[in-house]
Protein backbone atom coordinates (compact mmCIF):
# COMPACT_ATOMS: atom_id res chain seq x y z
CA MET A 1 -6.88 -16.11 -15.35
CA LYS A 2 -8.10 -12.82 -16.69
CA MET A 3 -11.17 -12.74 -14.39
CA LEU A 4 -8.41 -13.33 -11.54
CA ASP A 5 -6.30 -10.31 -12.62
CA SER A 6 -9.32 -8.19 -12.95
CA LEU A 7 -10.45 -8.96 -9.33
CA THR A 8 -6.83 -8.38 -8.14
CA PHE A 9 -6.81 -5.12 -10.03
CA LEU A 10 -10.03 -3.88 -8.35
CA PHE A 11 -9.35 -5.29 -4.76
CA GLU A 12 -5.93 -3.04 -5.07
CA LYS A 13 -8.03 0.10 -6.29
CA PHE A 14 -10.68 -0.47 -3.37
CA PHE A 15 -7.60 -0.93 -0.97
CA LEU A 16 -6.04 2.36 -2.25
CA PHE A 17 -8.99 4.57 -1.66
CA SER A 18 -10.20 2.44 1.60
CA ASN A 19 -6.78 3.83 3.09
CA LEU A 20 -7.55 7.82 2.20
CA ASN A 21 -6.55 9.96 5.03
CA VAL A 22 -7.66 13.29 3.45
CA PHE A 23 -8.89 15.14 6.82
CA GLU A 24 -5.97 13.74 8.54
CA SER A 25 -3.60 15.72 6.06
CA LEU A 26 -5.69 18.72 6.50
CA TRP A 27 -5.63 18.72 10.15
CA GLN A 28 -1.76 17.71 10.60
CA GLU A 29 -0.07 19.20 13.58
CA GLU A 30 3.47 20.73 12.83
CA PRO A 31 5.99 18.10 12.73
CA VAL A 32 7.87 17.28 15.56
CA ARG A 33 11.63 17.17 15.75
CA CYS A 34 12.60 13.64 14.87
CA PRO A 35 14.71 12.05 17.64
CA ALA A 36 18.34 10.68 16.79
CA LEU A 37 17.93 7.82 14.12
CA ARG A 38 20.21 4.74 14.11
CA ARG A 39 21.10 2.54 11.25
CA GLY A 40 18.30 -0.33 11.13
CA ASP A 41 15.67 1.66 12.56
CA LEU A 42 12.35 1.09 10.98
CA LEU A 43 10.73 4.64 10.12
CA GLN A 44 7.19 5.38 9.59
CA VAL A 45 5.69 8.82 8.15
CA GLN A 46 1.98 9.71 7.09
CA ARG A 47 1.61 10.07 3.68
CA THR A 48 -1.58 11.70 1.89
CA LEU A 49 -3.04 8.32 1.04
CA PHE A 50 -1.52 5.99 3.69
CA VAL A 51 1.36 5.10 6.13
CA HIS A 52 4.81 4.92 4.50
CA TYR A 53 7.66 2.89 5.96
CA GLY A 54 11.51 3.05 5.62
CA ILE A 55 14.84 1.45 6.85
CA CYS A 56 17.25 3.87 8.30
CA LEU A 57 20.77 3.42 6.77
CA GLY A 58 22.55 5.69 8.67
CA GLU A 59 24.29 8.99 7.32
CA ASN A 60 21.02 10.73 6.68
CA ARG A 61 19.85 7.64 4.28
CA VAL A 62 16.48 5.85 4.16
CA ALA A 63 15.67 2.78 1.94
CA HIS A 64 11.94 2.51 1.07
CA LEU A 65 9.95 1.10 -1.64
CA MET A 66 8.34 3.75 -3.28
CA PRO A 67 5.73 3.61 -6.13
CA ASP A 68 6.43 6.16 -8.77
CA ILE A 69 5.31 6.74 -12.38
CA MET A 70 8.31 8.88 -13.53
CA PRO A 71 10.53 5.88 -14.63
CA VAL A 72 7.94 4.70 -16.82
CA LEU A 73 7.79 7.95 -18.64
CA THR A 74 11.57 8.96 -18.75
CA ASN A 75 14.98 7.30 -18.35
CA ASN A 76 16.55 10.82 -17.30
CA LYS A 77 17.91 10.40 -13.79
CA GLN A 78 17.73 14.07 -13.24
CA LEU A 79 13.98 13.45 -13.34
CA THR A 80 13.49 10.59 -11.53
CA LYS A 81 15.88 11.08 -8.57
CA PRO A 82 14.15 14.04 -7.17
CA VAL A 83 11.97 13.49 -4.07
CA VAL A 84 8.70 11.53 -5.29
CA THR A 85 5.67 13.84 -4.84
CA ASN A 86 2.48 12.49 -3.76
CA LYS A 87 1.12 12.74 -7.40
CA ARG A 88 4.08 10.67 -8.82
CA LEU A 89 3.32 8.02 -5.78
CA ILE A 90 -0.40 7.77 -6.70
CA LEU A 91 0.20 7.28 -10.46
CA GLY A 92 3.01 4.75 -9.56
CA CYS A 93 0.37 2.85 -7.23
CA ILE A 94 -1.92 2.75 -10.17
CA TYR A 95 0.46 1.70 -12.76
CA ARG A 96 2.24 -0.67 -10.14
CA ASN A 97 5.55 0.56 -10.86
CA ALA A 98 8.10 1.02 -7.83
CA SER A 99 11.60 0.49 -6.68
CA ILE A 100 13.42 0.45 -3.31
CA ARG A 101 15.24 3.45 -3.41
CA VAL A 102 17.50 5.62 -1.08
CA ASP A 103 16.66 9.12 -0.21
CA SER A 104 17.46 11.43 2.73
CA VAL A 105 15.56 11.29 5.94
CA GLU A 106 14.21 14.71 4.85
CA ASP A 107 12.84 13.44 1.22
CA PHE A 108 11.41 10.35 3.17
CA ALA A 109 9.58 12.25 5.67
CA TYR A 110 8.15 14.74 3.05
CA GLY A 111 7.37 17.05 5.84
CA ALA A 112 5.57 14.86 8.24
CA GLN A 113 6.36 13.65 11.55
CA ILE A 114 8.54 10.45 11.89
CA LEU A 115 7.86 7.56 14.16
CA VAL A 116 10.72 5.34 15.07
CA ASN A 117 10.21 1.59 15.47
CA ASP A 118 6.70 2.07 16.23
CA MET A 119 6.04 -1.20 14.76
CA ASP A 120 7.96 -3.18 17.48
CA MET A 121 5.08 -2.88 19.92
CA LYS A 122 2.43 -4.11 17.25
CA VAL A 123 4.06 -7.32 15.87
CA LYS A 124 4.82 -10.60 17.35
CA CYS A 125 8.17 -11.04 15.93
CA LEU A 126 11.46 -9.99 17.58
CA ALA A 127 13.28 -7.47 15.69
CA LEU A 128 16.83 -8.74 14.05
CA ALA A 129 20.11 -7.15 14.52
CA SER A 130 20.29 -3.55 13.46
CA GLU A 131 23.13 -4.17 11.23
CA GLU A 132 21.16 -7.26 9.66
CA VAL A 133 18.06 -5.08 9.10
CA ALA A 134 20.12 -2.39 7.02
CA ARG A 135 22.03 -5.02 5.14
CA ARG A 136 18.90 -6.63 4.27
CA ALA A 137 17.52 -3.16 2.85
CA GLU A 138 20.61 -2.36 1.00
CA GLN A 139 20.68 -5.58 -0.81
CA LEU A 140 17.12 -5.08 -2.09
CA VAL A 141 17.85 -1.52 -3.72
CA GLY A 142 16.44 -1.32 -7.15
CA ASP A 143 13.38 -2.09 -9.16
CA ILE A 144 10.95 -4.53 -7.63
CA PRO A 145 7.59 -5.71 -8.48
CA TYR A 146 4.81 -3.89 -6.69
CA SER A 147 1.32 -4.61 -5.45
CA LEU A 148 -0.67 -2.41 -3.09
CA LEU A 149 -1.88 -5.84 -1.48
CA TRP A 150 0.93 -8.11 -1.66
CA ASN A 151 4.38 -6.35 -2.01
CA ASN A 152 4.21 -2.90 -0.54
CA CYS A 153 6.45 -0.51 1.55
CA GLU A 154 5.21 -2.16 4.74
CA HIS A 155 6.01 -5.78 3.36
CA PHE A 156 9.74 -4.61 2.51
CA VAL A 157 10.32 -3.23 6.15
CA THR A 158 8.94 -6.12 7.88
CA TYR A 159 10.83 -8.67 6.04
CA CYS A 160 14.21 -6.61 6.87
CA ARG A 161 13.54 -5.91 10.45
CA TYR A 162 11.54 -9.10 11.38
CA GLY A 163 12.49 -11.66 8.86
CA THR A 164 8.94 -11.90 7.60
CA ALA A 165 6.92 -10.04 5.14
CA VAL A 166 3.80 -8.71 6.58
CA SER A 167 1.53 -6.04 6.11
CA GLN A 168 -1.11 -4.51 8.86
CA GLN A 169 -2.63 -2.21 6.54
CA THR A 170 -3.35 -5.04 4.15
CA GLU A 171 -4.93 -6.93 7.11
CA LYS A 172 -7.22 -4.15 7.80
CA PHE A 173 -8.29 -3.99 4.30
CA CYS A 174 -8.97 -8.01 4.35
CA ASP A 175 -10.97 -7.41 7.87
CA CYS A 176 -13.06 -4.77 6.17
CA LEU A 177 -13.70 -6.71 3.10
CA LYS A 178 -14.89 -9.94 5.09
CA SER A 179 -17.30 -7.56 7.15
CA ILE A 180 -18.71 -6.24 3.75
CA LEU A 181 -18.97 -10.13 2.45
CA ARG A 182 -20.65 -10.99 5.77
CA ASP A 183 -23.32 -8.22 5.56
CA GLN A 184 -26.28 -9.51 3.61
CA ARG A 185 -27.10 -6.12 2.60
CA SER A 186 -24.41 -6.62 0.03
CA VAL A 187 -26.17 -9.40 -1.51
CA ALA A 188 -29.34 -7.06 -1.84
CA LEU A 189 -27.23 -4.30 -3.41
CA THR A 190 -25.69 -6.34 -5.67
CA VAL A 191 -28.99 -7.81 -6.83
CA GLY A 192 -30.44 -4.38 -7.31
CA ILE A 193 -27.50 -3.42 -9.39
CA GLY A 194 -27.69 -6.50 -11.51
CA VAL A 195 -31.19 -5.82 -12.07
CA MET A 196 -30.82 -2.28 -13.09
CA TYR A 197 -27.64 -3.42 -15.47
CA SER A 198 -30.00 -5.96 -17.12
CA LEU A 199 -32.69 -3.59 -17.67
CA CYS A 200 -30.27 -1.04 -19.18
CA PHE A 201 -28.16 -3.40 -21.34
CA GLY A 202 -30.91 -5.99 -21.84
CA LEU A 203 -30.87 -9.80 -21.10
CA ALA A 204 -27.51 -11.54 -22.17
CA PRO A 205 -25.19 -14.30 -20.63
CA SER A 206 -22.93 -11.17 -19.98
CA THR A 207 -25.43 -9.62 -17.94
CA THR A 208 -27.47 -12.38 -16.53
CA LEU A 209 -24.72 -14.65 -15.04
CA PRO A 210 -22.96 -11.99 -13.10
CA THR A 211 -26.36 -10.68 -11.58
CA ILE A 212 -26.97 -14.26 -10.56
CA LEU A 213 -23.56 -15.56 -9.64
CA ILE A 214 -22.12 -12.82 -7.69
CA PRO A 215 -24.95 -12.13 -5.23
CA PHE A 216 -25.19 -16.31 -4.70
CA ILE A 217 -21.33 -16.02 -3.99
CA LEU A 218 -21.78 -13.10 -1.71
CA TRP A 219 -24.35 -15.05 0.05
CA MET A 220 -22.52 -18.18 0.38
CA ALA A 221 -19.64 -16.40 1.74
CA GLY A 222 -21.59 -14.65 4.48
């Protein structure tokens, strides 16, 4: 069980860094004025690390699943209520602490351009009625278990708008992981790393078994 938790932890951190968009953020154009928003619209913006999603509730409010480290450090509402900065977001992802919170459209966008219902053209499911979408989002406001792979902001909005929680970002990560597993060069690389690790720390079950098992599993998976 501990090994499974460790693998999940490693996959989530790999997923986090595989979605880095550092260069996009450096070359981002000036934000375009957002079109009129309606209650139940699915909104998406580009944050420093990945695409962030939310559901418009009307009256300049957006419900979104937001990782945040601040509630772990303090219960002071004056400190946790302000807009979540990228530093707070990243640390929240690592600590796996999040909540579905309601912010203004401006705080949700964080200076980026907002795309409205762009996902409608990318998923196979039909969108639910706008009021039902917003009602689902409102019912889920509050603390929530968080996982980059299995329960992120995209899972939240797709459940609210389409009735099924899916994440295209997670699917892309899994496809990337499959391509790595199928590349036989990964086997040679892990063998090399395992041999170097054994030479540095000596032969022992803790070094020999991973050196044999990991390349074998990759070879079988490929």
